[in-house]
Amino acid sequence: MRSEDIAKLAGVSRSTVSRVINNYPNVPPETREKVLKVIQQHHYQPNTYARALAGKGTNTIGLFVVSTADKFSTHRIYQNNYFAPFVESVVDTANSLGYYVLIHTLYTLEDYQKVKQACLQKRIDGGILVGTRKEVDVIRELVGLEAPIVLIDYDIGEIIASRLDKSNVSVINSKDYDGAAEAVDYLISLGHRKIGMINGSVNTFSGAERFKAYESVLQRNGLSVEKGYILNGDFLKQNAYHEVRGLLASGQELPTAFFAANDDMAAAAYEAFKEFGLSIPEDISIVGFDDGPIAAQLVPKLTTVRVPIYDMSKEAVQKVVALCEQTVTAFSTVSFPAPLVVRDSCREL
């Protein structure tokens, strides 16, 4: 049965049926009741809207993956060694709890309208956002829609300062500062004194924390932060490749080691080093971040910081489901450890 059939049986227009299904307020109560009665009699369930209209929810959560820096990539998030495992784990965990997952990718600020529409149209009971940048005004607007929101990789301090910790929002992070500090300390312990960084985006919480740790550890050990050794990869493999290649081609004295803010950018550095005849770790050492599948596949295997993607995504799903089912109502935050995994890409000087 189609919405046109519901409209005929209820004696209303198709647009009225659509407004009832989408729970718009501009429908007279008696008309709404008439349409809902026909929907119930004929078991019409357009994408679980009937459950939502009955106040039972949709048993669907939204997963919104934000990658505004990667808007020109043809592969975008699908071959990203950070986002792809998140998507898989969220879907598996949600399915085990009896929930479906509606997945959207956001490449521009305008794409946040997808989140608003999904909430307003009652297509989801709550949402998970991963990769969000410093966009507290957008978060405030989403929180105002009253659907539970769980943020992965977001500055807790910004949430508290904006007084959003009194709303139905939760934050889940990894301890990126500690993990990055351990990585740079490890390079220093091997005797490296000239350490460069392939930076992520400092507009993200994780990117800012990793860079902050890099600077802090160097300064704590009396080492200078050389601007020429800080390359801006923006968490993207292609950007990192061009940045590293540019440094190698410049003839400038190279650092003896690099700390890359994610594994994709470390992999890009591998390619550039090989093109210029540099061997890892004999000529240059490198540490990555994330410990995605690519880390153990590179030759030599990449020393990196492990982000507990499975634990974070599982916690995010459990949290948003608990908020949807109102088994918890208070703001909460969780930060998971990010340990260093030592492999073969670094050597002692």
C-alpha atoms as a PDB file:
ATOM      1  CA  MET A   1       0.000   0.000   0.000  1.00  0.00           C
ATOM      2  CA  ARG A   2       1.238   3.471  -0.935  1.00  0.00           C
ATOM      3  CA  SER A   3       0.732   6.852   0.704  1.00  0.00           C
ATOM      4  CA  GLU A   4      -1.682   7.731  -2.135  1.00  0.00           C
ATOM      5  CA  ASP A   5      -3.899   4.826  -1.048  1.00  0.00           C
ATOM      6  CA  ILE A   6      -3.836   6.023   2.561  1.00  0.00           C
ATOM      7  CA  ALA A   7      -4.838   9.513   1.366  1.00  0.00           C
ATOM      8  CA  LYS A   8      -7.858   8.165  -0.562  1.00  0.00           C
ATOM      9  CA  LEU A   9      -9.067   6.014   2.331  1.00  0.00           C
ATOM     10  CA  ALA A  10      -8.710   8.886   4.797  1.00  0.00           C
ATOM     11  CA  GLY A  11     -10.248  11.427   2.427  1.00  0.00           C
ATOM     12  CA  VAL A  12      -7.254  13.760   2.577  1.00  0.00           C
ATOM     13  CA  SER A  13      -4.479  14.842   0.234  1.00  0.00           C
ATOM     14  CA  ARG A  14      -1.204  12.978  -0.162  1.00  0.00           C
ATOM     15  CA  SER A  15       0.660  15.969   1.287  1.00  0.00           C
ATOM     16  CA  THR A  16      -1.495  15.748   4.427  1.00  0.00           C
ATOM     17  CA  VAL A  17      -0.541  12.089   4.829  1.00  0.00           C
ATOM     18  CA  SER A  18       3.107  13.100   4.426  1.00  0.00           C
ATOM     19  CA  ARG A  19       2.748  15.796   7.103  1.00  0.00           C
ATOM     20  CA  VAL A  20       1.183  13.293   9.492  1.00  0.00           C
ATOM     21  CA  ILE A  21       3.909  10.718   8.814  1.00  0.00           C
ATOM     22  CA  ASN A  22       6.613  13.322   9.402  1.00  0.00           C
ATOM     23  CA  ASN A  23       4.853  14.526  12.552  1.00  0.00           C
ATOM     24  CA  TYR A  24       4.505  18.113  11.377  1.00  0.00           C
ATOM     25  CA  PRO A  25       2.497  20.315  13.782  1.00  0.00           C
ATOM     26  CA  ASN A  26       0.291  22.032  11.162  1.00  0.00           C
ATOM     27  CA  VAL A  27      -2.271  19.192  10.949  1.00  0.00           C
ATOM     28  CA  PRO A  28      -5.675  19.452  12.726  1.00  0.00           C
ATOM     29  CA  PRO A  29      -5.984  16.839  15.510  1.00  0.00           C
ATOM     30  CA  GLU A  30      -9.071  15.209  13.982  1.00  0.00           C
ATOM     31  CA  THR A  31      -7.339  14.893  10.592  1.00  0.00           C
ATOM     32  CA  ARG A  32      -4.226  13.429  12.191  1.00  0.00           C
ATOM     33  CA  GLU A  33      -6.332  10.898  14.087  1.00  0.00           C
ATOM     34  CA  LYS A  34      -8.192   9.891  10.907  1.00  0.00           C
ATOM     35  CA  VAL A  35      -4.958   9.305   8.970  1.00  0.00           C
ATOM     36  CA  LEU A  36      -3.334   7.392  11.804  1.00  0.00           C
ATOM     37  CA  LYS A  37      -6.401   5.168  12.103  1.00  0.00           C
ATOM     38  CA  VAL A  38      -6.154   4.215   8.425  1.00  0.00           C
ATOM     39  CA  ILE A  39      -2.404   3.609   8.806  1.00  0.00           C
ATOM     40  CA  GLN A  40      -3.052   1.309  11.753  1.00  0.00           C
ATOM     41  CA  GLN A  41      -5.898  -0.584  10.050  1.00  0.00           C
ATOM     42  CA  HIS A  42      -3.851  -1.303   6.957  1.00  0.00           C
ATOM     43  CA  HIS A  43      -0.529  -1.922   8.730  1.00  0.00           C
ATOM     44  CA  TYR A  44       1.149   0.821   6.746  1.00  0.00           C
ATOM     45  CA  GLN A  45       4.720   1.294   8.027  1.00  0.00           C
ATOM     46  CA  PRO A  46       6.770   3.708   5.936  1.00  0.00           C
ATOM     47  CA  ASN A  47      10.309   3.189   7.198  1.00  0.00           C
ATOM     48  CA  THR A  48       9.152   2.585  10.800  1.00  0.00           C
ATOM     49  CA  TYR A  49       7.328   5.942  11.006  1.00  0.00           C
ATOM     50  CA  ALA A  50       4.312   4.188  12.501  1.00  0.00           C
ATOM     51  CA  ARG A  51       6.351   3.223  15.550  1.00  0.00           C
ATOM     52  CA  ALA A  52       7.619   6.768  15.920  1.00  0.00           C
ATOM     53  CA  LEU A  53       4.147   8.255  15.678  1.00  0.00           C
ATOM     54  CA  ALA A  54       2.925   5.838  18.312  1.00  0.00           C
ATOM     55  CA  GLY A  55       5.637   7.147  20.623  1.00  0.00           C
ATOM     56  CA  LYS A  56       7.591   3.880  20.585  1.00  0.00           C
ATOM     57  CA  GLY A  57      10.602   5.171  18.685  1.00  0.00           C
ATOM     58  CA  THR A  58      12.089   3.850  15.455  1.00  0.00           C
ATOM     59  CA  ASN A  59      14.767   1.571  16.928  1.00  0.00           C
ATOM     60  CA  THR A  60      17.135   3.418  14.598  1.00  0.00           C
ATOM     61  CA  ILE A  61      20.164   5.520  15.467  1.00  0.00           C
ATOM     62  CA  GLY A  62      22.030   7.831  13.104  1.00  0.00           C
ATOM     63  CA  LEU A  63      25.773   7.640  12.505  1.00  0.00           C
ATOM     64  CA  PHE A  64      27.046  10.911  11.028  1.00  0.00           C
ATOM     65  CA  VAL A  65      30.657  10.827   9.866  1.00  0.00           C
ATOM     66  CA  VAL A  66      32.130  14.309   9.440  1.00  0.00           C
ATOM     67  CA  SER A  67      34.989  14.691   6.948  1.00  0.00           C
ATOM     68  CA  THR A  68      34.866  18.300   5.799  1.00  0.00           C
ATOM     69  CA  ALA A  69      38.586  18.321   4.952  1.00  0.00           C
ATOM     70  CA  ASP A  70      38.227  15.403   2.537  1.00  0.00           C
ATOM     71  CA  LYS A  71      35.558  16.885   0.246  1.00  0.00           C
ATOM     72  CA  PHE A  72      37.552  16.392  -2.978  1.00  0.00           C
ATOM     73  CA  SER A  73      38.590  12.765  -2.460  1.00  0.00           C
ATOM     74  CA  THR A  74      36.865  10.195  -4.630  1.00  0.00           C
ATOM     75  CA  HIS A  75      37.172   7.574  -1.882  1.00  0.00           C
ATOM     76  CA  ARG A  76      36.372   9.867   1.034  1.00  0.00           C
ATOM     77  CA  ILE A  77      35.683   7.955   4.246  1.00  0.00           C
ATOM     78  CA  TYR A  78      35.269   4.517   2.715  1.00  0.00           C
ATOM     79  CA  GLN A  79      38.981   3.740   2.529  1.00  0.00           C
ATOM     80  CA  ASN A  80      39.885   5.796   5.592  1.00  0.00           C
ATOM     81  CA  ASN A  81      41.673   3.647   8.158  1.00  0.00           C
ATOM     82  CA  TYR A  82      40.043   5.540  11.032  1.00  0.00           C
ATOM     83  CA  PHE A  83      36.440   6.043   9.912  1.00  0.00           C
ATOM     84  CA  ALA A  84      35.799   2.697   8.209  1.00  0.00           C
ATOM     85  CA  PRO A  85      36.329   0.567  11.364  1.00  0.00           C
ATOM     86  CA  PHE A  86      34.106   2.971  13.312  1.00  0.00           C
ATOM     87  CA  VAL A  87      31.252   2.442  10.865  1.00  0.00           C
ATOM     88  CA  GLU A  88      31.590  -1.352  10.978  1.00  0.00           C
ATOM     89  CA  SER A  89      31.751  -1.492  14.768  1.00  0.00           C
ATOM     90  CA  VAL A  90      28.813   0.871  15.301  1.00  0.00           C
ATOM     91  CA  VAL A  91      26.613  -1.175  12.969  1.00  0.00           C
ATOM     92  CA  ASP A  92      27.579  -4.486  14.610  1.00  0.00           C
ATOM     93  CA  THR A  93      27.003  -3.193  18.142  1.00  0.00           C
ATOM     94  CA  ALA A  94      23.709  -1.505  17.270  1.00  0.00           C
ATOM     95  CA  ASN A  95      22.401  -4.625  15.529  1.00  0.00           C
ATOM     96  CA  SER A  96      23.226  -6.722  18.593  1.00  0.00           C
ATOM     97  CA  LEU A  97      21.044  -4.353  20.649  1.00  0.00           C
ATOM     98  CA  GLY A  98      18.157  -4.567  18.193  1.00  0.00           C
ATOM     99  CA  TYR A  99      18.799  -1.186  16.532  1.00  0.00           C
ATOM    100  CA  TYR A 100      19.236  -0.229  12.897  1.00  0.00           C
ATOM    101  CA  VAL A 101      21.815   2.364  11.816  1.00  0.00           C
ATOM    102  CA  LEU A 102      21.184   5.207   9.367  1.00  0.00           C
ATOM    103  CA  ILE A 103      24.563   6.356   8.026  1.00  0.00           C
ATOM    104  CA  HIS A 104      25.266   9.793   6.567  1.00  0.00           C
ATOM    105  CA  THR A 105      28.557  11.369   5.542  1.00  0.00           C
ATOM    106  CA  LEU A 106      28.971  15.110   6.083  1.00  0.00           C
ATOM    107  CA  TYR A 107      31.449  16.940   3.851  1.00  0.00           C
ATOM    108  CA  THR A 108      30.284  20.540   4.359  1.00  0.00           C
ATOM    109  CA  LEU A 109      28.666  22.575   7.126  1.00  0.00           C
ATOM    110  CA  GLU A 110      25.488  22.557   5.063  1.00  0.00           C
ATOM    111  CA  ASP A 111      25.432  18.759   5.340  1.00  0.00           C
ATOM    112  CA  TYR A 112      24.519  19.098   9.020  1.00  0.00           C
ATOM    113  CA  GLN A 113      21.013  19.645   7.694  1.00  0.00           C
ATOM    114  CA  LYS A 114      20.948  15.866   7.203  1.00  0.00           C
ATOM    115  CA  VAL A 115      21.237  15.447  10.954  1.00  0.00           C
ATOM    116  CA  LYS A 116      18.504  18.001  11.628  1.00  0.00           C
ATOM    117  CA  GLN A 117      16.161  16.433   9.075  1.00  0.00           C
ATOM    118  CA  ALA A 118      16.684  12.940  10.464  1.00  0.00           C
ATOM    119  CA  CYS A 119      15.801  14.199  13.950  1.00  0.00           C
ATOM    120  CA  LEU A 120      12.873  16.418  12.952  1.00  0.00           C
ATOM    121  CA  GLN A 121      11.352  13.748  10.720  1.00  0.00           C
ATOM    122  CA  LYS A 122      11.655  11.180  13.515  1.00  0.00           C
ATOM    123  CA  ARG A 123      13.714   8.881  11.329  1.00  0.00           C
ATOM    124  CA  ILE A 124      16.149   8.268  14.200  1.00  0.00           C
ATOM    125  CA  ASP A 125      15.855   8.104  17.965  1.00  0.00           C
ATOM    126  CA  GLY A 126      19.339   9.529  18.543  1.00  0.00           C
ATOM    127  CA  GLY A 127      22.634  10.148  16.767  1.00  0.00           C
ATOM    128  CA  ILE A 128      26.397   9.575  16.939  1.00  0.00           C
ATOM    129  CA  LEU A 129      28.737  12.172  15.400  1.00  0.00           C
ATOM    130  CA  VAL A 130      32.379  11.312  14.730  1.00  0.00           C
ATOM    131  CA  GLY A 131      34.986  13.666  13.280  1.00  0.00           C
ATOM    132  CA  THR A 132      33.195  16.884  14.272  1.00  0.00           C
ATOM    133  CA  ARG A 133      35.375  19.992  14.282  1.00  0.00           C
ATOM    134  CA  LYS A 134      35.088  23.035  16.550  1.00  0.00           C
ATOM    135  CA  GLU A 135      31.476  23.748  15.704  1.00  0.00           C
ATOM    136  CA  VAL A 136      29.791  24.346  19.043  1.00  0.00           C
ATOM    137  CA  ASP A 137      27.007  26.428  17.476  1.00  0.00           C
ATOM    138  CA  VAL A 138      26.058  23.468  15.294  1.00  0.00           C
ATOM    139  CA  ILE A 139      26.159  21.155  18.316  1.00  0.00           C
ATOM    140  CA  ARG A 140      23.967  23.569  20.292  1.00  0.00           C
ATOM    141  CA  GLU A 141      21.420  23.578  17.468  1.00  0.00           C
ATOM    142  CA  LEU A 142      21.361  19.781  17.279  1.00  0.00           C
ATOM    143  CA  VAL A 143      21.018  19.441  21.042  1.00  0.00           C
ATOM    144  CA  GLY A 144      18.035  21.795  20.856  1.00  0.00           C
ATOM    145  CA  LEU A 145      16.189  19.206  18.755  1.00  0.00           C
ATOM    146  CA  GLU A 146      16.014  17.053  21.904  1.00  0.00           C
ATOM    147  CA  ALA A 147      17.262  13.863  20.254  1.00  0.00           C
ATOM    148  CA  PRO A 148      20.142  12.289  22.231  1.00  0.00           C
ATOM    149  CA  ILE A 149      23.543  13.044  20.692  1.00  0.00           C
ATOM    150  CA  VAL A 150      26.856  11.285  21.376  1.00  0.00           C
ATOM    151  CA  LEU A 151      30.016  13.028  20.148  1.00  0.00           C
ATOM    152  CA  ILE A 152      33.191  11.076  19.441  1.00  0.00           C
ATOM    153  CA  ASP A 153      36.401  13.134  19.472  1.00  0.00           C
ATOM    154  CA  TYR A 154      35.188  16.445  20.868  1.00  0.00           C
ATOM    155  CA  ASP A 155      36.504  18.933  23.409  1.00  0.00           C
ATOM    156  CA  ILE A 156      34.704  18.307  26.699  1.00  0.00           C
ATOM    157  CA  GLY A 157      35.790  21.716  27.974  1.00  0.00           C
ATOM    158  CA  GLU A 158      33.977  23.411  25.101  1.00  0.00           C
ATOM    159  CA  ILE A 159      30.787  21.508  25.910  1.00  0.00           C
ATOM    160  CA  ILE A 160      30.952  22.538  29.573  1.00  0.00           C
ATOM    161  CA  ALA A 161      31.872  26.163  28.755  1.00  0.00           C
ATOM    162  CA  SER A 162      28.859  26.337  26.431  1.00  0.00           C
ATOM    163  CA  ARG A 163      26.650  24.879  29.169  1.00  0.00           C
ATOM    164  CA  LEU A 164      25.633  21.960  27.004  1.00  0.00           C
ATOM    165  CA  ASP A 165      26.537  19.470  29.736  1.00  0.00           C
ATOM    166  CA  LYS A 166      23.006  19.879  31.126  1.00  0.00           C
ATOM    167  CA  SER A 167      21.498  18.443  27.933  1.00  0.00           C
ATOM    168  CA  ASN A 168      21.130  14.976  26.417  1.00  0.00           C
ATOM    169  CA  VAL A 169      24.635  14.932  24.949  1.00  0.00           C
ATOM    170  CA  SER A 170      27.614  12.740  25.828  1.00  0.00           C
ATOM    171  CA  VAL A 171      31.263  12.791  24.738  1.00  0.00           C
ATOM    172  CA  ILE A 172      33.594   9.851  24.089  1.00  0.00           C
ATOM    173  CA  ASN A 173      37.307  10.371  23.447  1.00  0.00           C
ATOM    174  CA  SER A 174      40.617   8.568  23.468  1.00  0.00           C
ATOM    175  CA  LYS A 175      43.483   9.917  25.580  1.00  0.00           C
ATOM    176  CA  ASP A 176      45.242  11.371  22.561  1.00  0.00           C
ATOM    177  CA  TYR A 177      47.493  13.730  24.493  1.00  0.00           C
ATOM    178  CA  ASP A 178      48.894  10.901  26.614  1.00  0.00           C
ATOM    179  CA  GLY A 179      49.356   8.650  23.598  1.00  0.00           C
ATOM    180  CA  ALA A 180      51.107  11.330  21.554  1.00  0.00           C
ATOM    181  CA  ALA A 181      53.329  12.272  24.492  1.00  0.00           C
ATOM    182  CA  GLU A 182      54.360   8.634  24.893  1.00  0.00           C
ATOM    183  CA  ALA A 183      55.205   8.433  21.184  1.00  0.00           C
ATOM    184  CA  VAL A 184      57.459  11.513  21.226  1.00  0.00           C
ATOM    185  CA  ASP A 185      59.055  10.440  24.527  1.00  0.00           C
ATOM    186  CA  TYR A 186      59.825   7.082  22.903  1.00  0.00           C
ATOM    187  CA  LEU A 187      61.641   8.761  20.007  1.00  0.00           C
ATOM    188  CA  ILE A 188      63.638  10.883  22.443  1.00  0.00           C
ATOM    189  CA  SER A 189      64.542   7.771  24.456  1.00  0.00           C
ATOM    190  CA  LEU A 190      66.047   6.326  21.267  1.00  0.00           C
ATOM    191  CA  GLY A 191      68.349   9.323  20.998  1.00  0.00           C
ATOM    192  CA  HIS A 192      66.415  11.440  18.481  1.00  0.00           C
ATOM    193  CA  ARG A 193      66.762  15.172  19.006  1.00  0.00           C
ATOM    194  CA  LYS A 194      65.469  16.523  15.700  1.00  0.00           C
ATOM    195  CA  ILE A 195      61.881  15.308  15.531  1.00  0.00           C
ATOM    196  CA  GLY A 196      59.388  16.526  12.953  1.00  0.00           C
ATOM    197  CA  MET A 197      55.621  16.191  12.945  1.00  0.00           C
ATOM    198  CA  ILE A 198      53.144  15.471  10.184  1.00  0.00           C
ATOM    199  CA  ASN A 199      50.234  17.346  11.686  1.00  0.00           C
ATOM    200  CA  GLY A 200      46.535  16.543  11.551  1.00  0.00           C
ATOM    201  CA  SER A 201      43.850  19.201  11.712  1.00  0.00           C
ATOM    202  CA  VAL A 202      44.175  21.330  14.838  1.00  0.00           C
ATOM    203  CA  ASN A 203      40.506  22.276  14.386  1.00  0.00           C
ATOM    204  CA  THR A 204      39.613  18.818  15.679  1.00  0.00           C
ATOM    205  CA  PHE A 205      40.018  17.869  19.324  1.00  0.00           C
ATOM    206  CA  SER A 206      42.280  14.901  18.552  1.00  0.00           C
ATOM    207  CA  GLY A 207      44.426  16.922  16.143  1.00  0.00           C
ATOM    208  CA  ALA A 208      44.910  19.714  18.682  1.00  0.00           C
ATOM    209  CA  GLU A 209      45.744  17.277  21.500  1.00  0.00           C
ATOM    210  CA  ARG A 210      48.337  15.397  19.446  1.00  0.00           C
ATOM    211  CA  PHE A 211      50.098  18.582  18.364  1.00  0.00           C
ATOM    212  CA  LYS A 212      49.962  20.020  21.867  1.00  0.00           C
ATOM    213  CA  ALA A 213      51.644  16.880  23.223  1.00  0.00           C
ATOM    214  CA  TYR A 214      54.346  17.019  20.537  1.00  0.00           C
ATOM    215  CA  GLU A 215      55.242  20.609  21.419  1.00  0.00           C
ATOM    216  CA  SER A 216      55.057  20.016  25.167  1.00  0.00           C
ATOM    217  CA  VAL A 217      57.309  16.944  25.209  1.00  0.00           C
ATOM    218  CA  LEU A 218      59.965  18.613  23.063  1.00  0.00           C
ATOM    219  CA  GLN A 219      59.981  21.686  25.293  1.00  0.00           C
ATOM    220  CA  ARG A 220      60.027  19.574  28.453  1.00  0.00           C
ATOM    221  CA  ASN A 221      63.176  17.878  27.170  1.00  0.00           C
ATOM    222  CA  GLY A 222      64.871  21.138  26.195  1.00  0.00           C
ATOM    223  CA  LEU A 223      64.434  20.525  22.471  1.00  0.00           C
ATOM    224  CA  SER A 224      63.410  23.226  20.000  1.00  0.00           C
ATOM    225  CA  VAL A 225      60.209  23.085  17.990  1.00  0.00           C
ATOM    226  CA  GLU A 226      61.406  23.683  14.414  1.00  0.00           C
ATOM    227  CA  LYS A 227      58.631  25.217  12.301  1.00  0.00           C
ATOM    228  CA  GLY A 228      60.229  23.826   9.160  1.00  0.00           C
ATOM    229  CA  TYR A 229      59.790  20.320  10.531  1.00  0.00           C
ATOM    230  CA  ILE A 230      56.035  20.718  11.121  1.00  0.00           C
ATOM    231  CA  LEU A 231      54.155  19.558   8.038  1.00  0.00           C
ATOM    232  CA  ASN A 232      50.415  20.133   7.646  1.00  0.00           C
ATOM    233  CA  GLY A 233      48.796  16.945   6.434  1.00  0.00           C
ATOM    234  CA  ASP A 234      45.278  17.671   7.755  1.00  0.00           C
ATOM    235  CA  PHE A 235      44.851  13.913   8.464  1.00  0.00           C
ATOM    236  CA  LEU A 236      44.806  13.250   4.678  1.00  0.00           C
ATOM    237  CA  LYS A 237      47.214  10.866   2.960  1.00  0.00           C
ATOM    238  CA  GLN A 238      47.526  12.923  -0.230  1.00  0.00           C
ATOM    239  CA  ASN A 239      48.221  16.147   1.664  1.00  0.00           C
ATOM    240  CA  ALA A 240      50.866  14.464   3.789  1.00  0.00           C
ATOM    241  CA  TYR A 241      52.557  12.975   0.720  1.00  0.00           C
ATOM    242  CA  HIS A 242      52.926  16.391  -0.933  1.00  0.00           C
ATOM    243  CA  GLU A 243      54.149  17.995   2.309  1.00  0.00           C
ATOM    244  CA  VAL A 244      56.796  15.333   2.966  1.00  0.00           C
ATOM    245  CA  ARG A 245      57.884  15.289  -0.669  1.00  0.00           C
ATOM    246  CA  GLY A 246      58.225  19.075  -0.603  1.00  0.00           C
ATOM    247  CA  LEU A 247      60.518  18.931   2.429  1.00  0.00           C
ATOM    248  CA  LEU A 248      62.643  16.180   0.877  1.00  0.00           C
ATOM    249  CA  ALA A 249      62.979  18.098  -2.397  1.00  0.00           C
ATOM    250  CA  SER A 250      63.923  21.349  -0.656  1.00  0.00           C
ATOM    251  CA  GLY A 251      67.398  20.182   0.274  1.00  0.00           C
ATOM    252  CA  GLN A 252      66.793  21.288   3.874  1.00  0.00           C
ATOM    253  CA  GLU A 253      68.443  19.244   6.620  1.00  0.00           C
ATOM    254  CA  LEU A 254      65.983  16.539   7.630  1.00  0.00           C
ATOM    255  CA  PRO A 255      64.885  15.516  11.096  1.00  0.00           C
ATOM    256  CA  THR A 256      66.012  12.051  12.185  1.00  0.00           C
ATOM    257  CA  ALA A 257      62.432  11.073  13.086  1.00  0.00           C
ATOM    258  CA  PHE A 258      58.826  12.007  12.428  1.00  0.00           C
ATOM    259  CA  PHE A 259      55.690  11.721  14.510  1.00  0.00           C
ATOM    260  CA  ALA A 260      52.644  11.431  12.217  1.00  0.00           C
ATOM    261  CA  ALA A 261      49.233  12.317  13.658  1.00  0.00           C
ATOM    262  CA  ASN A 262      47.617   9.324  11.941  1.00  0.00           C
ATOM    263  CA  ASP A 263      48.653   6.127  10.160  1.00  0.00           C
ATOM    264  CA  ASP A 264      47.425   7.245   6.730  1.00  0.00           C
ATOM    265  CA  MET A 265      49.842  10.170   6.800  1.00  0.00           C
ATOM    266  CA  ALA A 266      52.639   7.905   8.041  1.00  0.00           C
ATOM    267  CA  ALA A 267      51.950   5.610   5.059  1.00  0.00           C
ATOM    268  CA  ALA A 268      52.231   8.634   2.763  1.00  0.00           C
ATOM    269  CA  ALA A 269      55.612   9.440   4.300  1.00  0.00           C
ATOM    270  CA  TYR A 270      56.734   5.852   3.586  1.00  0.00           C
ATOM    271  CA  GLU A 271      55.980   6.439  -0.114  1.00  0.00           C
ATOM    272  CA  ALA A 272      57.810   9.770  -0.245  1.00  0.00           C
ATOM    273  CA  PHE A 273      60.857   8.443   1.625  1.00  0.00           C
ATOM    274  CA  LYS A 274      61.093   5.501  -0.781  1.00  0.00           C
ATOM    275  CA  GLU A 275      60.974   7.817  -3.801  1.00  0.00           C
ATOM    276  CA  PHE A 276      63.949   9.746  -2.421  1.00  0.00           C
ATOM    277  CA  GLY A 277      65.931   6.617  -1.551  1.00  0.00           C
ATOM    278  CA  LEU A 278      65.496   6.860   2.220  1.00  0.00           C
ATOM    279  CA  SER A 279      65.099   3.653   4.208  1.00  0.00           C
ATOM    280  CA  ILE A 280      62.982   3.221   7.341  1.00  0.00           C
ATOM    281  CA  PRO A 281      64.301   3.038  10.022  1.00  0.00           C
ATOM    282  CA  GLU A 282      67.945   3.083   8.851  1.00  0.00           C
ATOM    283  CA  ASP A 283      67.791   6.639   7.473  1.00  0.00           C
ATOM    284  CA  ILE A 284      64.740   8.010   9.250  1.00  0.00           C
ATOM    285  CA  SER A 285      62.356   6.802  11.982  1.00  0.00           C
ATOM    286  CA  ILE A 286      58.614   7.347  12.109  1.00  0.00           C
ATOM    287  CA  VAL A 287      55.734   6.805  14.550  1.00  0.00           C
ATOM    288  CA  GLY A 288      52.052   6.905  13.563  1.00  0.00           C
ATOM    289  CA  PHE A 289      48.728   7.167  15.371  1.00  0.00           C
ATOM    290  CA  ASP A 290      45.519   5.031  15.267  1.00  0.00           C
ATOM    291  CA  ASP A 291      46.916   1.488  14.815  1.00  0.00           C
ATOM    292  CA  GLY A 292      44.523   0.701  12.007  1.00  0.00           C
ATOM    293  CA  PRO A 293      45.000  -2.406   9.833  1.00  0.00           C
ATOM    294  CA  ILE A 294      47.522  -0.583   7.628  1.00  0.00           C
ATOM    295  CA  ALA A 295      50.037  -0.203  10.485  1.00  0.00           C
ATOM    296  CA  ALA A 296      50.972  -3.891  10.603  1.00  0.00           C
ATOM    297  CA  GLN A 297      50.860  -4.185   6.796  1.00  0.00           C
ATOM    298  CA  LEU A 298      53.488  -1.541   6.053  1.00  0.00           C
ATOM    299  CA  VAL A 299      57.085  -2.632   5.513  1.00  0.00           C
ATOM    300  CA  PRO A 300      58.653  -2.204   7.974  1.00  0.00           C
ATOM    301  CA  LYS A 301      55.696  -2.538  10.347  1.00  0.00           C
ATOM    302  CA  LEU A 302      54.708   0.826  11.792  1.00  0.00           C
ATOM    303  CA  THR A 303      55.220   1.776  15.421  1.00  0.00           C
ATOM    304  CA  THR A 304      52.050   3.653  16.315  1.00  0.00           C
ATOM    305  CA  VAL A 305      49.627   4.727  19.037  1.00  0.00           C
ATOM    306  CA  ARG A 306      46.553   2.528  19.320  1.00  0.00           C
ATOM    307  CA  VAL A 307      43.142   4.240  19.335  1.00  0.00           C
ATOM    308  CA  PRO A 308      40.633   1.782  20.856  1.00  0.00           C
ATOM    309  CA  ILE A 309      38.122   2.188  18.051  1.00  0.00           C
ATOM    310  CA  TYR A 310      36.032  -0.850  18.964  1.00  0.00           C
ATOM    311  CA  ASP A 311      35.726   0.146  22.631  1.00  0.00           C
ATOM    312  CA  MET A 312      34.851   3.746  21.750  1.00  0.00           C
ATOM    313  CA  SER A 313      32.241   2.857  19.146  1.00  0.00           C
ATOM    314  CA  LYS A 314      30.682   0.206  21.384  1.00  0.00           C
ATOM    315  CA  GLU A 315      30.457   2.705  24.242  1.00  0.00           C
ATOM    316  CA  ALA A 316      28.945   5.302  21.901  1.00  0.00           C
ATOM    317  CA  VAL A 317      26.180   2.939  20.768  1.00  0.00           C
ATOM    318  CA  GLN A 318      25.414   1.760  24.292  1.00  0.00           C
ATOM    319  CA  LYS A 319      25.296   5.354  25.502  1.00  0.00           C
ATOM    320  CA  VAL A 320      22.995   6.667  22.761  1.00  0.00           C
ATOM    321  CA  VAL A 321      20.672   3.658  23.173  1.00  0.00           C
ATOM    322  CA  ALA A 322      20.542   4.240  26.942  1.00  0.00           C
ATOM    323  CA  LEU A 323      19.696   7.906  26.333  1.00  0.00           C
ATOM    324  CA  CYS A 324      17.028   6.959  23.781  1.00  0.00           C
ATOM    325  CA  GLU A 325      15.446   4.468  26.164  1.00  0.00           C
ATOM    326  CA  GLN A 326      15.879   6.917  29.056  1.00  0.00           C
ATOM    327  CA  THR A 327      17.691   4.387  31.229  1.00  0.00           C
ATOM    328  CA  VAL A 328      20.217   7.208  31.767  1.00  0.00           C
ATOM    329  CA  THR A 329      19.587  10.931  31.456  1.00  0.00           C
ATOM    330  CA  ALA A 330      22.705  12.669  32.791  1.00  0.00           C
ATOM    331  CA  PHE A 331      25.576  14.104  30.735  1.00  0.00           C
ATOM    332  CA  SER A 332      28.605  11.821  30.762  1.00  0.00           C
ATOM    333  CA  THR A 333      32.045  11.562  29.238  1.00  0.00           C
ATOM    334  CA  VAL A 334      34.498   8.684  28.796  1.00  0.00           C
ATOM    335  CA  SER A 335      38.154   8.799  27.690  1.00  0.00           C
ATOM    336  CA  PHE A 336      39.850   5.544  26.680  1.00  0.00           C
ATOM    337  CA  PRO A 337      43.629   4.935  26.977  1.00  0.00           C
ATOM    338  CA  ALA A 338      45.702   5.167  23.786  1.00  0.00           C
ATOM    339  CA  PRO A 339      48.867   3.072  24.303  1.00  0.00           C
ATOM    340  CA  LEU A 340      52.009   3.014  22.166  1.00  0.00           C
ATOM    341  CA  VAL A 341      52.502  -0.146  20.080  1.00  0.00           C
ATOM    342  CA  VAL A 342      56.203  -0.632  19.297  1.00  0.00           C
ATOM    343  CA  ARG A 343      57.025  -2.339  15.999  1.00  0.00           C
ATOM    344  CA  ASP A 344      59.857  -1.863  13.481  1.00  0.00           C
ATOM    345  CA  SER A 345      59.784   1.699  12.104  1.00  0.00           C
ATOM    346  CA  CYS A 346      62.134   3.323  14.625  1.00  0.00           C
ATOM    347  CA  ARG A 347      65.784   2.775  15.495  1.00  0.00           C
ATOM    348  CA  GLU A 348      68.107   3.908  18.229  1.00  0.00           C
ATOM    349  CA  LEU A 349      70.661   6.511  17.184  1.00  0.00           C
END
